[in-house]
Amino acid sequence: MQLSADASETLALKALAWLVTNDELLPVFLGATGASEADIRARVSDPEFLGSVLDFLMMDDAWVIAFCDASETKYDLPMQARAVLVGAADTHWT
């Protein structure tokens, strides 16, 4: 069953909230994406930005597990939500 756009956005917002409260990981996200805290506030409803949050989260299995455990989310849902928000065609495996 595919996630709806609303459910995908909600999941990405939960991931963003989790990330923002993670004092160790937030600076890594900001550095990796070039985003500022002002960018986060300005783009919180942008599906591409929310997709980038999920892309970042999925860079490390430990981050996925930590987020999913903290939010009581199934481990495969961040990837599904990312595909809905940004589209599976943007996924590059090389």
PDB file of N, CA and C in Angstrom:
ATOM      1  N   MET A   1       0.840  -1.187   0.000  1.00  0.00           N
ATOM      2  CA  MET A   1       0.000   0.000   0.000  1.00  0.00           C
ATOM      3  C   MET A   1       0.882   1.246   0.000  1.00  0.00           C
ATOM      4  N   GLN A   2       0.702   2.102  -0.981  1.00  0.00           N
ATOM      5  CA  GLN A   2       1.494   3.326  -1.092  1.00  0.00           C
ATOM      6  C   GLN A   2       0.958   4.393  -0.151  1.00  0.00           C
ATOM      7  N   LEU A   3       1.878   5.171   0.398  1.00  0.00           N
ATOM      8  CA  LEU A   3       1.499   6.282   1.266  1.00  0.00           C
ATOM      9  C   LEU A   3       0.844   7.382   0.440  1.00  0.00           C
ATOM     10  N   SER A   4      -0.074   8.096   1.039  1.00  0.00           N
ATOM     11  CA  SER A   4      -0.661   9.260   0.387  1.00  0.00           C
ATOM     12  C   SER A   4       0.323  10.428   0.467  1.00  0.00           C
ATOM     13  N   ALA A   5       0.069  11.451  -0.295  1.00  0.00           N
ATOM     14  CA  ALA A   5       0.916  12.642  -0.254  1.00  0.00           C
ATOM     15  C   ALA A   5       0.872  13.276   1.134  1.00  0.00           C
ATOM     16  N   ASP A   6      -0.318  13.314   1.740  1.00  0.00           N
ATOM     17  CA  ASP A   6      -0.445  13.894   3.082  1.00  0.00           C
ATOM     18  C   ASP A   6       0.323  13.078   4.121  1.00  0.00           C
ATOM     19  N   ALA A   7       0.208  11.759   4.050  1.00  0.00           N
ATOM     20  CA  ALA A   7       0.915  10.900   5.001  1.00  0.00           C
ATOM     21  C   ALA A   7       2.427  11.011   4.803  1.00  0.00           C
ATOM     22  N   SER A   8       2.858  11.148   3.561  1.00  0.00           N
ATOM     23  CA  SER A   8       4.280  11.298   3.271  1.00  0.00           C
ATOM     24  C   SER A   8       4.816  12.609   3.819  1.00  0.00           C
ATOM     25  N   GLU A   9       4.050  13.672   3.636  1.00  0.00           N
ATOM     26  CA  GLU A   9       4.456  14.969   4.167  1.00  0.00           C
ATOM     27  C   GLU A   9       4.509  14.943   5.689  1.00  0.00           C
ATOM     28  N   THR A  10       3.527  14.321   6.303  1.00  0.00           N
ATOM     29  CA  THR A  10       3.504  14.220   7.759  1.00  0.00           C
ATOM     30  C   THR A  10       4.721  13.454   8.273  1.00  0.00           C
ATOM     31  N   LEU A  11       5.055  12.355   7.612  1.00  0.00           N
ATOM     32  CA  LEU A  11       6.217  11.575   8.019  1.00  0.00           C
ATOM     33  C   LEU A  11       7.496  12.398   7.865  1.00  0.00           C
ATOM     34  N   ALA A  12       7.622  13.121   6.756  1.00  0.00           N
ATOM     35  CA  ALA A  12       8.809  13.946   6.543  1.00  0.00           C
ATOM     36  C   ALA A  12       8.899  15.064   7.582  1.00  0.00           C
ATOM     37  N   LEU A  13       7.770  15.637   7.953  1.00  0.00           N
ATOM     38  CA  LEU A  13       7.763  16.664   8.995  1.00  0.00           C
ATOM     39  C   LEU A  13       8.169  16.083  10.343  1.00  0.00           C
ATOM     40  N   LYS A  14       7.757  14.861  10.626  1.00  0.00           N
ATOM     41  CA  LYS A  14       8.194  14.191  11.861  1.00  0.00           C
ATOM     42  C   LYS A  14       9.697  13.967  11.829  1.00  0.00           C
ATOM     43  N   ALA A  15      10.207  13.570  10.661  1.00  0.00           N
ATOM     44  CA  ALA A  15      11.657  13.364  10.522  1.00  0.00           C
ATOM     45  C   ALA A  15      12.400  14.685  10.714  1.00  0.00           C
ATOM     46  N   LEU A  16      11.867  15.756  10.154  1.00  0.00           N
ATOM     47  CA  LEU A  16      12.488  17.065  10.314  1.00  0.00           C
ATOM     48  C   LEU A  16      12.475  17.496  11.776  1.00  0.00           C
ATOM     49  N   ALA A  17      11.360  17.305  12.446  1.00  0.00           N
ATOM     50  CA  ALA A  17      11.274  17.654  13.870  1.00  0.00           C
ATOM     51  C   ALA A  17      12.277  16.842  14.682  1.00  0.00           C
ATOM     52  N   TRP A  18      12.395  15.562  14.379  1.00  0.00           N
ATOM     53  CA  TRP A  18      13.367  14.703  15.062  1.00  0.00           C
ATOM     54  C   TRP A  18      14.785  15.199  14.795  1.00  0.00           C
ATOM     55  N   LEU A  19      15.059  15.560  13.558  1.00  0.00           N
ATOM     56  CA  LEU A  19      16.378  16.027  13.171  1.00  0.00           C
ATOM     57  C   LEU A  19      16.730  17.341  13.863  1.00  0.00           C
ATOM     58  N   VAL A  20      15.791  18.256  13.906  1.00  0.00           N
ATOM     59  CA  VAL A  20      16.026  19.569  14.510  1.00  0.00           C
ATOM     60  C   VAL A  20      16.324  19.449  16.005  1.00  0.00           C
ATOM     61  N   THR A  21      15.760  18.464  16.650  1.00  0.00           N
ATOM     62  CA  THR A  21      16.010  18.289  18.084  1.00  0.00           C
ATOM     63  C   THR A  21      17.251  17.454  18.373  1.00  0.00           C
ATOM     64  N   ASN A  22      17.913  16.975  17.325  1.00  0.00           N
ATOM     65  CA  ASN A  22      19.115  16.162  17.491  1.00  0.00           C
ATOM     66  C   ASN A  22      20.335  17.074  17.388  1.00  0.00           C
ATOM     67  N   ASP A  23      20.910  17.429  18.538  1.00  0.00           N
ATOM     68  CA  ASP A  23      22.015  18.385  18.589  1.00  0.00           C
ATOM     69  C   ASP A  23      23.259  17.918  17.836  1.00  0.00           C
ATOM     70  N   GLU A  24      23.455  16.625  17.712  1.00  0.00           N
ATOM     71  CA  GLU A  24      24.621  16.115  16.999  1.00  0.00           C
ATOM     72  C   GLU A  24      24.388  16.052  15.493  1.00  0.00           C
ATOM     73  N   LEU A  25      23.182  15.712  15.094  1.00  0.00           N
ATOM     74  CA  LEU A  25      22.894  15.475  13.683  1.00  0.00           C
ATOM     75  C   LEU A  25      22.478  16.728  12.921  1.00  0.00           C
ATOM     76  N   LEU A  26      21.846  17.681  13.576  1.00  0.00           N
ATOM     77  CA  LEU A  26      21.391  18.888  12.882  1.00  0.00           C
ATOM     78  C   LEU A  26      22.538  19.625  12.193  1.00  0.00           C
ATOM     79  N   PRO A  27      23.680  19.850  12.848  1.00  0.00           N
ATOM     80  CA  PRO A  27      24.768  20.529  12.143  1.00  0.00           C
ATOM     81  C   PRO A  27      25.282  19.733  10.943  1.00  0.00           C
ATOM     82  N   VAL A  28      25.235  18.421  11.019  1.00  0.00           N
ATOM     83  CA  VAL A  28      25.650  17.584   9.894  1.00  0.00           C
ATOM     84  C   VAL A  28      24.682  17.793   8.731  1.00  0.00           C
ATOM     85  N   PHE A  29      23.390  17.816   9.017  1.00  0.00           N
ATOM     86  CA  PHE A  29      22.381  18.064   7.984  1.00  0.00           C
ATOM     87  C   PHE A  29      22.579  19.433   7.352  1.00  0.00           C
ATOM     88  N   LEU A  30      22.754  20.458   8.178  1.00  0.00           N
ATOM     89  CA  LEU A  30      22.929  21.809   7.655  1.00  0.00           C
ATOM     90  C   LEU A  30      24.177  21.901   6.781  1.00  0.00           C
ATOM     91  N   GLY A  31      25.247  21.264   7.220  1.00  0.00           N
ATOM     92  CA  GLY A  31      26.478  21.272   6.439  1.00  0.00           C
ATOM     93  C   GLY A  31      26.354  20.487   5.145  1.00  0.00           C
ATOM     94  N   ALA A  32      25.687  19.358   5.194  1.00  0.00           N
ATOM     95  CA  ALA A  32      25.555  18.504   4.008  1.00  0.00           C
ATOM     96  C   ALA A  32      24.639  19.121   2.954  1.00  0.00           C
ATOM     97  N   THR A  33      23.617  19.823   3.394  1.00  0.00           N
ATOM     98  CA  THR A  33      22.638  20.365   2.458  1.00  0.00           C
ATOM     99  C   THR A  33      22.897  21.829   2.107  1.00  0.00           C
ATOM    100  N   GLY A  34      23.674  22.512   2.921  1.00  0.00           N
ATOM    101  CA  GLY A  34      23.879  23.935   2.713  1.00  0.00           C
ATOM    102  C   GLY A  34      22.706  24.765   3.193  1.00  0.00           C
ATOM    103  N   ALA A  35      21.746  24.127   3.829  1.00  0.00           N
ATOM    104  CA  ALA A  35      20.565  24.827   4.344  1.00  0.00           C
ATOM    105  C   ALA A  35      20.927  25.549   5.649  1.00  0.00           C
ATOM    106  N   SER A  36      20.211  26.607   5.911  1.00  0.00           N
ATOM    107  CA  SER A  36      20.340  27.317   7.180  1.00  0.00           C
ATOM    108  C   SER A  36      19.079  27.051   7.996  1.00  0.00           C
ATOM    109  N   GLU A  37      19.109  27.481   9.240  1.00  0.00           N
ATOM    110  CA  GLU A  37      17.900  27.324  10.063  1.00  0.00           C
ATOM    111  C   GLU A  37      16.755  28.145   9.475  1.00  0.00           C
ATOM    112  N   ALA A  38      17.058  29.281   8.871  1.00  0.00           N
ATOM    113  CA  ALA A  38      16.021  30.099   8.218  1.00  0.00           C
ATOM    114  C   ALA A  38      15.442  29.356   7.010  1.00  0.00           C
ATOM    115  N   ASP A  39      16.302  28.633   6.274  1.00  0.00           N
ATOM    116  CA  ASP A  39      15.819  27.836   5.146  1.00  0.00           C
ATOM    117  C   ASP A  39      14.846  26.764   5.622  1.00  0.00           C
ATOM    118  N   ILE A  40      15.141  26.164   6.738  1.00  0.00           N
ATOM    119  CA  ILE A  40      14.255  25.126   7.280  1.00  0.00           C
ATOM    120  C   ILE A  40      12.871  25.712   7.532  1.00  0.00           C
ATOM    121  N   ARG A  41      12.831  26.860   8.185  1.00  0.00           N
ATOM    122  CA  ARG A  41      11.542  27.493   8.475  1.00  0.00           C
ATOM    123  C   ARG A  41      10.819  27.896   7.184  1.00  0.00           C
ATOM    124  N   ALA A  42      11.565  28.417   6.215  1.00  0.00           N
ATOM    125  CA  ALA A  42      10.947  28.914   4.976  1.00  0.00           C
ATOM    126  C   ALA A  42      10.467  27.790   4.069  1.00  0.00           C
ATOM    127  N   ARG A  43      11.117  26.637   4.125  1.00  0.00           N
ATOM    128  CA  ARG A  43      10.808  25.566   3.166  1.00  0.00           C
ATOM    129  C   ARG A  43      10.109  24.371   3.801  1.00  0.00           C
ATOM    130  N   VAL A  44       9.599  24.533   4.986  1.00  0.00           N
ATOM    131  CA  VAL A  44       9.006  23.414   5.718  1.00  0.00           C
ATOM    132  C   VAL A  44       7.833  22.773   4.975  1.00  0.00           C
ATOM    133  N   SER A  45       7.193  23.488   4.080  1.00  0.00           N
ATOM    134  CA  SER A  45       6.065  22.904   3.341  1.00  0.00           C
ATOM    135  C   SER A  45       6.436  22.546   1.898  1.00  0.00           C
ATOM    136  N   ASP A  46       7.706  22.638   1.558  1.00  0.00           N
ATOM    137  CA  ASP A  46       8.184  22.338   0.204  1.00  0.00           C
ATOM    138  C   ASP A  46       8.472  20.841   0.086  1.00  0.00           C
ATOM    139  N   PRO A  47       7.743  20.133  -0.787  1.00  0.00           N
ATOM    140  CA  PRO A  47       7.956  18.689  -0.915  1.00  0.00           C
ATOM    141  C   PRO A  47       9.397  18.305  -1.274  1.00  0.00           C
ATOM    142  N   GLU A  48      10.060  19.109  -2.104  1.00  0.00           N
ATOM    143  CA  GLU A  48      11.452  18.805  -2.456  1.00  0.00           C
ATOM    144  C   GLU A  48      12.359  18.911  -1.239  1.00  0.00           C
ATOM    145  N   PHE A  49      12.146  19.940  -0.426  1.00  0.00           N
ATOM    146  CA  PHE A  49      12.950  20.086   0.789  1.00  0.00           C
ATOM    147  C   PHE A  49      12.687  18.931   1.747  1.00  0.00           C
ATOM    148  N   LEU A  50      11.420  18.589   1.911  1.00  0.00           N
ATOM    149  CA  LEU A  50      11.083  17.470   2.793  1.00  0.00           C
ATOM    150  C   LEU A  50      11.678  16.171   2.258  1.00  0.00           C
ATOM    151  N   GLY A  51      11.705  16.019   0.947  1.00  0.00           N
ATOM    152  CA  GLY A  51      12.369  14.869   0.346  1.00  0.00           C
ATOM    153  C   GLY A  51      13.845  14.851   0.670  1.00  0.00           C
ATOM    154  N   SER A  52      14.478  16.043   0.679  1.00  0.00           N
ATOM    155  CA  SER A  52      15.906  16.103   1.013  1.00  0.00           C
ATOM    156  C   SER A  52      16.153  15.723   2.470  1.00  0.00           C
ATOM    157  N   VAL A  53      15.201  16.036   3.327  1.00  0.00           N
ATOM    158  CA  VAL A  53      15.312  15.608   4.734  1.00  0.00           C
ATOM    159  C   VAL A  53      15.324  14.085   4.801  1.00  0.00           C
ATOM    160  N   LEU A  54      14.419  13.457   4.057  1.00  0.00           N
ATOM    161  CA  LEU A  54      14.368  11.993   4.045  1.00  0.00           C
ATOM    162  C   LEU A  54      15.593  11.398   3.358  1.00  0.00           C
ATOM    163  N   ASP A  55      16.080  12.048   2.298  1.00  0.00           N
ATOM    164  CA  ASP A  55      17.316  11.591   1.654  1.00  0.00           C
ATOM    165  C   ASP A  55      18.468  11.594   2.659  1.00  0.00           C
ATOM    166  N   PHE A  56      18.580  12.672   3.403  1.00  0.00           N
ATOM    167  CA  PHE A  56      19.644  12.770   4.404  1.00  0.00           C
ATOM    168  C   PHE A  56      19.489  11.680   5.451  1.00  0.00           C
ATOM    169  N   LEU A  57      18.299  11.520   5.962  1.00  0.00           N
ATOM    170  CA  LEU A  57      18.037  10.507   6.981  1.00  0.00           C
ATOM    171  C   LEU A  57      18.450   9.125   6.497  1.00  0.00           C
ATOM    172  N   MET A  58      18.167   8.832   5.240  1.00  0.00           N
ATOM    173  CA  MET A  58      18.428   7.497   4.709  1.00  0.00           C
ATOM    174  C   MET A  58      19.888   7.266   4.330  1.00  0.00           C
ATOM    175  N   MET A  59      20.734   8.264   4.543  1.00  0.00           N
ATOM    176  CA  MET A  59      22.158   8.089   4.276  1.00  0.00           C
ATOM    177  C   MET A  59      22.812   7.115   5.252  1.00  0.00           C
ATOM    178  N   ASP A  60      22.183   6.907   6.403  1.00  0.00           N
ATOM    179  CA  ASP A  60      22.773   6.051   7.426  1.00  0.00           C
ATOM    180  C   ASP A  60      21.664   5.211   8.063  1.00  0.00           C
ATOM    181  N   ASP A  61      21.849   3.909   8.009  1.00  0.00           N
ATOM    182  CA  ASP A  61      20.840   3.011   8.588  1.00  0.00           C
ATOM    183  C   ASP A  61      20.604   3.300  10.064  1.00  0.00           C
ATOM    184  N   ALA A  62      21.637   3.689  10.778  1.00  0.00           N
ATOM    185  CA  ALA A  62      21.490   3.986  12.212  1.00  0.00           C
ATOM    186  C   ALA A  62      20.556   5.171  12.426  1.00  0.00           C
ATOM    187  N   TRP A  63      20.613   6.152  11.525  1.00  0.00           N
ATOM    188  CA  TRP A  63      19.718   7.313  11.637  1.00  0.00           C
ATOM    189  C   TRP A  63      18.285   6.899  11.360  1.00  0.00           C
ATOM    190  N   VAL A  64      18.085   6.061  10.360  1.00  0.00           N
ATOM    191  CA  VAL A  64      16.741   5.579  10.034  1.00  0.00           C
ATOM    192  C   VAL A  64      16.169   4.827  11.227  1.00  0.00           C
ATOM    193  N   ILE A  65      16.965   3.934  11.773  1.00  0.00           N
ATOM    194  CA  ILE A  65      16.509   3.135  12.912  1.00  0.00           C
ATOM    195  C   ILE A  65      16.193   4.032  14.101  1.00  0.00           C
ATOM    196  N   ALA A  66      17.069   4.999  14.387  1.00  0.00           N
ATOM    197  CA  ALA A  66      16.843   5.894  15.533  1.00  0.00           C
ATOM    198  C   ALA A  66      15.566   6.699  15.353  1.00  0.00           C
ATOM    199  N   PHE A  67      15.368   7.258  14.152  1.00  0.00           N
ATOM    200  CA  PHE A  67      14.146   8.026  13.895  1.00  0.00           C
ATOM    201  C   PHE A  67      12.915   7.139  13.985  1.00  0.00           C
ATOM    202  N   CYS A  68      12.968   6.007  13.306  1.00  0.00           N
ATOM    203  CA  CYS A  68      11.798   5.121  13.271  1.00  0.00           C
ATOM    204  C   CYS A  68      11.453   4.590  14.653  1.00  0.00           C
ATOM    205  N   ASP A  69      12.449   4.241  15.433  1.00  0.00           N
ATOM    206  CA  ASP A  69      12.194   3.775  16.793  1.00  0.00           C
ATOM    207  C   ASP A  69      11.594   4.894  17.646  1.00  0.00           C
ATOM    208  N   ALA A  70      12.126   6.108  17.500  1.00  0.00           N
ATOM    209  CA  ALA A  70      11.629   7.237  18.295  1.00  0.00           C
ATOM    210  C   ALA A  70      10.204   7.620  17.910  1.00  0.00           C
ATOM    211  N   SER A  71       9.868   7.462  16.641  1.00  0.00           N
ATOM    212  CA  SER A  71       8.541   7.887  16.170  1.00  0.00           C
ATOM    213  C   SER A  71       7.571   6.720  15.961  1.00  0.00           C
ATOM    214  N   GLU A  72       8.011   5.523  16.334  1.00  0.00           N
ATOM    215  CA  GLU A  72       7.197   4.321  16.171  1.00  0.00           C
ATOM    216  C   GLU A  72       6.723   4.180  14.724  1.00  0.00           C
ATOM    217  N   THR A  73       7.689   4.288  13.811  1.00  0.00           N
ATOM    218  CA  THR A  73       7.446   4.216  12.375  1.00  0.00           C
ATOM    219  C   THR A  73       8.101   2.962  11.819  1.00  0.00           C
ATOM    220  N   LYS A  74       7.460   2.314  10.863  1.00  0.00           N
ATOM    221  CA  LYS A  74       8.074   1.158  10.207  1.00  0.00           C
ATOM    222  C   LYS A  74       9.306   1.620   9.436  1.00  0.00           C
ATOM    223  N   TYR A  75      10.326   0.786   9.423  1.00  0.00           N
ATOM    224  CA  TYR A  75      11.617   1.157   8.845  1.00  0.00           C
ATOM    225  C   TYR A  75      11.560   1.464   7.350  1.00  0.00           C
ATOM    226  N   ASP A  76      10.615   0.942   6.630  1.00  0.00           N
ATOM    227  CA  ASP A  76      10.572   1.184   5.192  1.00  0.00           C
ATOM    228  C   ASP A  76       9.748   2.423   4.802  1.00  0.00           C
ATOM    229  N   LEU A  77       9.089   3.040   5.747  1.00  0.00           N
ATOM    230  CA  LEU A  77       8.226   4.172   5.409  1.00  0.00           C
ATOM    231  C   LEU A  77       8.977   5.436   4.987  1.00  0.00           C
ATOM    232  N   PRO A  78      10.154   5.767   5.556  1.00  0.00           N
ATOM    233  CA  PRO A  78      10.845   6.959   5.046  1.00  0.00           C
ATOM    234  C   PRO A  78      11.148   6.867   3.550  1.00  0.00           C
ATOM    235  N   MET A  79      11.549   5.698   3.073  1.00  0.00           N
ATOM    236  CA  MET A  79      11.846   5.546   1.648  1.00  0.00           C
ATOM    237  C   MET A  79      10.567   5.687   0.819  1.00  0.00           C
ATOM    238  N   GLN A  80       9.482   5.117   1.303  1.00  0.00           N
ATOM    239  CA  GLN A  80       8.217   5.235   0.579  1.00  0.00           C
ATOM    240  C   GLN A  80       7.747   6.688   0.533  1.00  0.00           C
ATOM    241  N   ALA A  81       7.878   7.383   1.653  1.00  0.00           N
ATOM    242  CA  ALA A  81       7.459   8.785   1.717  1.00  0.00           C
ATOM    243  C   ALA A  81       8.305   9.645   0.797  1.00  0.00           C
ATOM    244  N   ARG A  82       9.595   9.375   0.736  1.00  0.00           N
ATOM    245  CA  ARG A  82      10.484  10.125  -0.138  1.00  0.00           C
ATOM    246  C   ARG A  82      10.069   9.944  -1.599  1.00  0.00           C
ATOM    247  N   ALA A  83       9.728   8.731  -1.979  1.00  0.00           N
ATOM    248  CA  ALA A  83       9.309   8.455  -3.355  1.00  0.00           C
ATOM    249  C   ALA A  83       8.032   9.218  -3.701  1.00  0.00           C
ATOM    250  N   VAL A  84       7.126   9.341  -2.758  1.00  0.00           N
ATOM    251  CA  VAL A  84       5.881  10.071  -3.006  1.00  0.00           C
ATOM    252  C   VAL A  84       6.160  11.568  -3.119  1.00  0.00           C
ATOM    253  N   LEU A  85       7.011  12.096  -2.236  1.00  0.00           N
ATOM    254  CA  LEU A  85       7.265  13.534  -2.223  1.00  0.00           C
ATOM    255  C   LEU A  85       8.054  14.014  -3.434  1.00  0.00           C
ATOM    256  N   VAL A  86       9.078  13.266  -3.804  1.00  0.00           N
ATOM    257  CA  VAL A  86       9.995  13.732  -4.839  1.00  0.00           C
ATOM    258  C   VAL A  86       9.847  12.924  -6.118  1.00  0.00           C
ATOM    259  N   GLY A  87       9.404  11.693  -5.986  1.00  0.00           N
ATOM    260  CA  GLY A  87       9.249  10.839  -7.144  1.00  0.00           C
ATOM    261  C   GLY A  87      10.367   9.822  -7.232  1.00  0.00           C
ATOM    262  N   ALA A  88      10.021   8.620  -7.569  1.00  0.00           N
ATOM    263  CA  ALA A  88      10.995   7.535  -7.663  1.00  0.00           C
ATOM    264  C   ALA A  88      11.956   7.739  -8.816  1.00  0.00           C
ATOM    265  N   ALA A  89      11.572   8.519  -9.818  1.00  0.00           N
ATOM    266  CA  ALA A  89      12.439   8.723 -10.983  1.00  0.00           C
ATOM    267  C   ALA A  89      13.722   9.464 -10.619  1.00  0.00           C
ATOM    268  N   ASP A  90      13.714  10.214  -9.511  1.00  0.00           N
ATOM    269  CA  ASP A  90      14.900  10.951  -9.095  1.00  0.00           C
ATOM    270  C   ASP A  90      15.909  10.102  -8.349  1.00  0.00           C
ATOM    271  N   THR A  91      15.595   8.855  -8.068  1.00  0.00           N
ATOM    272  CA  THR A  91      16.496   7.992  -7.326  1.00  0.00           C
ATOM    273  C   THR A  91      17.619   7.514  -8.243  1.00  0.00           C
ATOM    274  N   HIS A  92      18.847   7.747  -7.807  1.00  0.00           N
ATOM    275  CA  HIS A  92      20.017   7.322  -8.566  1.00  0.00           C
ATOM    276  C   HIS A  92      20.812   6.346  -7.701  1.00  0.00           C
ATOM    277  N   TRP A  93      21.126   5.206  -8.243  1.00  0.00           N
ATOM    278  CA  TRP A  93      21.816   4.179  -7.472  1.00  0.00           C
ATOM    279  C   TRP A  93      23.295   4.084  -7.833  1.00  0.00           C
ATOM    280  N   THR A  94      23.810   5.059  -8.565  1.00  0.00           N
ATOM    281  CA  THR A  94      25.227   5.060  -8.918  1.00  0.00           C
ATOM    282  C   THR A  94      25.954   6.167  -8.229  1.00  0.00           C
TER     283      THR A  94
END
